[in-house]
């Protein structure tokens, strides 16, 4: 008995979460080895570097947790696990809350671009969940 193919949208979201996990791993490496070969990458987001510096070693733990969550969501979506879509939706909701807080508390309106994108991803996942 053949299982139906994974929809393209789910494949893309699984890839999105896998890439997010890879970026978390890269960030952990940059935090563990300051001044190393990857140091110049902080120029892409100096605000993040400053924020991670303020958190100290806790930032490494935070990025490991986020990376593990993203990797789990990628695996859950790719394997059609029952928990894959709820985990992905939960991660996206946390991200939307974070974007909203950054916009209003830090007055960083650039983060608002994530709201419609994250909202669209959540809507797609909820529709995909019902169509199973």
C-alpha atoms as a PDB file:
ATOM      1  CA  UNK A   1       0.000   0.000   0.000  1.00  0.00           C
ATOM      2  CA  UNK A   2       1.499   3.330  -1.096  1.00  0.00           C
ATOM      3  CA  UNK A   3       1.265   6.305   1.199  1.00  0.00           C
ATOM      4  CA  UNK A   4       0.195   9.524  -0.570  1.00  0.00           C
ATOM      5  CA  UNK A   5       3.029  11.864  -1.472  1.00  0.00           C
ATOM      6  CA  UNK A   6       3.953  14.646   0.895  1.00  0.00           C
ATOM      7  CA  UNK A   7       2.399  17.914  -0.316  1.00  0.00           C
ATOM      8  CA  UNK A   8       4.863  20.489  -1.654  1.00  0.00           C
ATOM      9  CA  UNK A   9       3.865  23.015   1.027  1.00  0.00           C
ATOM     10  CA  UNK A  10       4.675  20.565   3.807  1.00  0.00           C
ATOM     11  CA  UNK A  11       7.998  19.713   2.147  1.00  0.00           C
ATOM     12  CA  UNK A  12       8.847  23.419   1.955  1.00  0.00           C
ATOM     13  CA  UNK A  13       7.898  24.014   5.579  1.00  0.00           C
ATOM     14  CA  UNK A  14       9.951  21.000   6.674  1.00  0.00           C
ATOM     15  CA  UNK A  15      12.892  22.503   4.766  1.00  0.00           C
ATOM     16  CA  UNK A  16      12.211  25.901   6.374  1.00  0.00           C
ATOM     17  CA  UNK A  17      12.420  24.394   9.860  1.00  0.00           C
ATOM     18  CA  UNK A  18      15.521  22.345   8.927  1.00  0.00           C
ATOM     19  CA  UNK A  19      17.249  25.520   7.713  1.00  0.00           C
ATOM     20  CA  UNK A  20      16.200  27.270  10.924  1.00  0.00           C
ATOM     21  CA  UNK A  21      17.790  24.462  12.907  1.00  0.00           C
ATOM     22  CA  UNK A  22      20.992  24.766  10.856  1.00  0.00           C
ATOM     23  CA  UNK A  23      21.139  28.511  11.542  1.00  0.00           C
ATOM     24  CA  UNK A  24      20.723  27.832  15.259  1.00  0.00           C
ATOM     25  CA  UNK A  25      23.633  25.408  15.111  1.00  0.00           C
ATOM     26  CA  UNK A  26      25.725  28.002  13.275  1.00  0.00           C
ATOM     27  CA  UNK A  27      24.843  30.585  15.921  1.00  0.00           C
ATOM     28  CA  UNK A  28      25.858  28.188  18.701  1.00  0.00           C
ATOM     29  CA  UNK A  29      29.217  27.655  16.984  1.00  0.00           C
ATOM     30  CA  UNK A  30      29.677  31.433  16.676  1.00  0.00           C
ATOM     31  CA  UNK A  31      28.859  31.878  20.370  1.00  0.00           C
ATOM     32  CA  UNK A  32      31.131  29.050  21.511  1.00  0.00           C
ATOM     33  CA  UNK A  33      34.115  30.283  19.492  1.00  0.00           C
ATOM     34  CA  UNK A  34      34.091  34.089  19.608  1.00  0.00           C
ATOM     35  CA  UNK A  35      36.705  35.729  17.436  1.00  0.00           C
ATOM     36  CA  UNK A  36      36.952  32.614  15.271  1.00  0.00           C
ATOM     37  CA  UNK A  37      36.576  32.198  11.539  1.00  0.00           C
ATOM     38  CA  UNK A  38      32.825  32.818  11.735  1.00  0.00           C
ATOM     39  CA  UNK A  39      33.076  36.101  13.670  1.00  0.00           C
ATOM     40  CA  UNK A  40      32.540  38.246  10.580  1.00  0.00           C
ATOM     41  CA  UNK A  41      29.041  36.761  10.183  1.00  0.00           C
ATOM     42  CA  UNK A  42      27.874  38.839  13.142  1.00  0.00           C
ATOM     43  CA  UNK A  43      27.983  41.854  10.785  1.00  0.00           C
ATOM     44  CA  UNK A  44      24.799  40.463   9.223  1.00  0.00           C
ATOM     45  CA  UNK A  45      22.914  41.021  12.492  1.00  0.00           C
ATOM     46  CA  UNK A  46      24.891  43.050  15.025  1.00  0.00           C
ATOM     47  CA  UNK A  47      21.775  43.560  17.189  1.00  0.00           C
ATOM     48  CA  UNK A  48      21.512  39.798  17.688  1.00  0.00           C
ATOM     49  CA  UNK A  49      25.177  39.639  18.611  1.00  0.00           C
ATOM     50  CA  UNK A  50      24.680  42.335  21.241  1.00  0.00           C
ATOM     51  CA  UNK A  51      21.588  40.611  22.619  1.00  0.00           C
ATOM     52  CA  UNK A  52      23.379  37.252  22.822  1.00  0.00           C
ATOM     53  CA  UNK A  53      26.346  38.886  24.550  1.00  0.00           C
ATOM     54  CA  UNK A  54      24.001  40.304  27.206  1.00  0.00           C
ATOM     55  CA  UNK A  55      22.498  36.849  27.811  1.00  0.00           C
ATOM     56  CA  UNK A  56      25.915  35.248  28.165  1.00  0.00           C
ATOM     57  CA  UNK A  57      26.025  31.439  28.295  1.00  0.00           C
ATOM     58  CA  UNK A  58      22.246  31.323  28.506  1.00  0.00           C
ATOM     59  CA  UNK A  59      22.169  32.327  24.831  1.00  0.00           C
ATOM     60  CA  UNK A  60      23.821  29.030  23.884  1.00  0.00           C
ATOM     61  CA  UNK A  61      21.179  27.059  25.774  1.00  0.00           C
ATOM     62  CA  UNK A  62      18.419  29.145  24.195  1.00  0.00           C
ATOM     63  CA  UNK A  63      19.725  28.532  20.684  1.00  0.00           C
ATOM     64  CA  UNK A  64      20.104  24.812  21.355  1.00  0.00           C
ATOM     65  CA  UNK A  65      16.473  24.649  22.488  1.00  0.00           C
ATOM     66  CA  UNK A  66      15.229  26.621  19.479  1.00  0.00           C
ATOM     67  CA  UNK A  67      17.370  24.514  17.132  1.00  0.00           C
ATOM     68  CA  UNK A  68      16.097  21.264  18.637  1.00  0.00           C
ATOM     69  CA  UNK A  69      12.503  22.473  18.335  1.00  0.00           C
ATOM     70  CA  UNK A  70      13.030  23.430  14.688  1.00  0.00           C
ATOM     71  CA  UNK A  71      14.738  20.122  13.899  1.00  0.00           C
ATOM     72  CA  UNK A  72      11.901  18.245  15.590  1.00  0.00           C
ATOM     73  CA  UNK A  73       9.301  20.181  13.605  1.00  0.00           C
ATOM     74  CA  UNK A  74      11.164  19.465  10.361  1.00  0.00           C
ATOM     75  CA  UNK A  75      11.299  15.753  11.154  1.00  0.00           C
ATOM     76  CA  UNK A  76       7.684  15.647  12.321  1.00  0.00           C
ATOM     77  CA  UNK A  77       6.443  17.359   9.168  1.00  0.00           C
ATOM     78  CA  UNK A  78       8.578  15.240   6.832  1.00  0.00           C
ATOM     79  CA  UNK A  79       7.453  11.997   8.499  1.00  0.00           C
ATOM     80  CA  UNK A  80       3.808  13.055   8.740  1.00  0.00           C
ATOM     81  CA  UNK A  81       3.992  12.481  12.472  1.00  0.00           C
ATOM     82  CA  UNK A  82       0.809  13.293  14.361  1.00  0.00           C
ATOM     83  CA  UNK A  83       2.716  15.885  16.430  1.00  0.00           C
ATOM     84  CA  UNK A  84       4.539  17.529  13.492  1.00  0.00           C
ATOM     85  CA  UNK A  85       1.944  20.126  12.535  1.00  0.00           C
ATOM     86  CA  UNK A  86       1.026  21.132  16.113  1.00  0.00           C
ATOM     87  CA  UNK A  87       4.712  21.587  16.967  1.00  0.00           C
ATOM     88  CA  UNK A  88       5.330  23.666  13.832  1.00  0.00           C
ATOM     89  CA  UNK A  89       2.271  25.837  14.590  1.00  0.00           C
ATOM     90  CA  UNK A  90       3.404  26.326  18.207  1.00  0.00           C
ATOM     91  CA  UNK A  91       6.887  27.422  17.081  1.00  0.00           C
ATOM     92  CA  UNK A  92       5.400  29.855  14.574  1.00  0.00           C
ATOM     93  CA  UNK A  93       3.042  31.305  17.200  1.00  0.00           C
ATOM     94  CA  UNK A  94       5.952  31.871  19.595  1.00  0.00           C
ATOM     95  CA  UNK A  95       7.826  33.578  16.763  1.00  0.00           C
ATOM     96  CA  UNK A  96       4.837  35.818  15.988  1.00  0.00           C
ATOM     97  CA  UNK A  97       4.558  36.832  19.631  1.00  0.00           C
ATOM     98  CA  UNK A  98       8.280  37.615  19.652  1.00  0.00           C
ATOM     99  CA  UNK A  99       7.998  39.687  16.473  1.00  0.00           C
ATOM    100  CA  UNK A 100       5.071  41.604  17.929  1.00  0.00           C
ATOM    101  CA  UNK A 101       6.911  42.300  21.179  1.00  0.00           C
ATOM    102  CA  UNK A 102       9.986  43.476  19.281  1.00  0.00           C
ATOM    103  CA  UNK A 103       7.863  45.817  17.205  1.00  0.00           C
ATOM    104  CA  UNK A 104       6.114  47.411  20.153  1.00  0.00           C
ATOM    105  CA  UNK A 105       8.641  47.236  22.986  1.00  0.00           C
ATOM    106  CA  UNK A 106      11.820  47.878  21.003  1.00  0.00           C
ATOM    107  CA  UNK A 107      10.101  50.004  18.334  1.00  0.00           C
ATOM    108  CA  UNK A 108      11.595  47.771  15.640  1.00  0.00           C
ATOM    109  CA  UNK A 109       8.870  47.909  13.021  1.00  0.00           C
ATOM    110  CA  UNK A 110      10.908  45.745  10.631  1.00  0.00           C
ATOM    111  CA  UNK A 111       9.838  42.712  12.638  1.00  0.00           C
ATOM    112  CA  UNK A 112       6.217  43.264  11.589  1.00  0.00           C
ATOM    113  CA  UNK A 113       6.991  41.739   8.176  1.00  0.00           C
ATOM    114  CA  UNK A 114       7.025  38.372   9.947  1.00  0.00           C
ATOM    115  CA  UNK A 115       3.385  38.646  11.003  1.00  0.00           C
ATOM    116  CA  UNK A 116       1.677  38.057   7.632  1.00  0.00           C
ATOM    117  CA  UNK A 117       4.297  35.496   6.613  1.00  0.00           C
ATOM    118  CA  UNK A 118       4.005  33.534   9.852  1.00  0.00           C
ATOM    119  CA  UNK A 119       0.229  33.892   9.759  1.00  0.00           C
ATOM    120  CA  UNK A 120       0.130  32.449   6.241  1.00  0.00           C
ATOM    121  CA  UNK A 121       2.311  29.512   7.322  1.00  0.00           C
ATOM    122  CA  UNK A 122       0.044  28.822  10.294  1.00  0.00           C
ATOM    123  CA  UNK A 123      -3.072  29.025   8.114  1.00  0.00           C
ATOM    124  CA  UNK A 124      -1.567  26.590   5.618  1.00  0.00           C
ATOM    125  CA  UNK A 125      -0.608  24.129   8.348  1.00  0.00           C
ATOM    126  CA  UNK A 126      -4.061  24.268   9.929  1.00  0.00           C
ATOM    127  CA  UNK A 127      -5.719  23.675   6.556  1.00  0.00           C
ATOM    128  CA  UNK A 128      -3.286  20.843   5.771  1.00  0.00           C
ATOM    129  CA  UNK A 129      -4.060  19.284   9.142  1.00  0.00           C
ATOM    130  CA  UNK A 130      -7.789  19.213   8.392  1.00  0.00           C
ATOM    131  CA  UNK A 131      -7.238  17.700   4.950  1.00  0.00           C
ATOM    132  CA  UNK A 132      -5.424  14.633   6.299  1.00  0.00           C
END
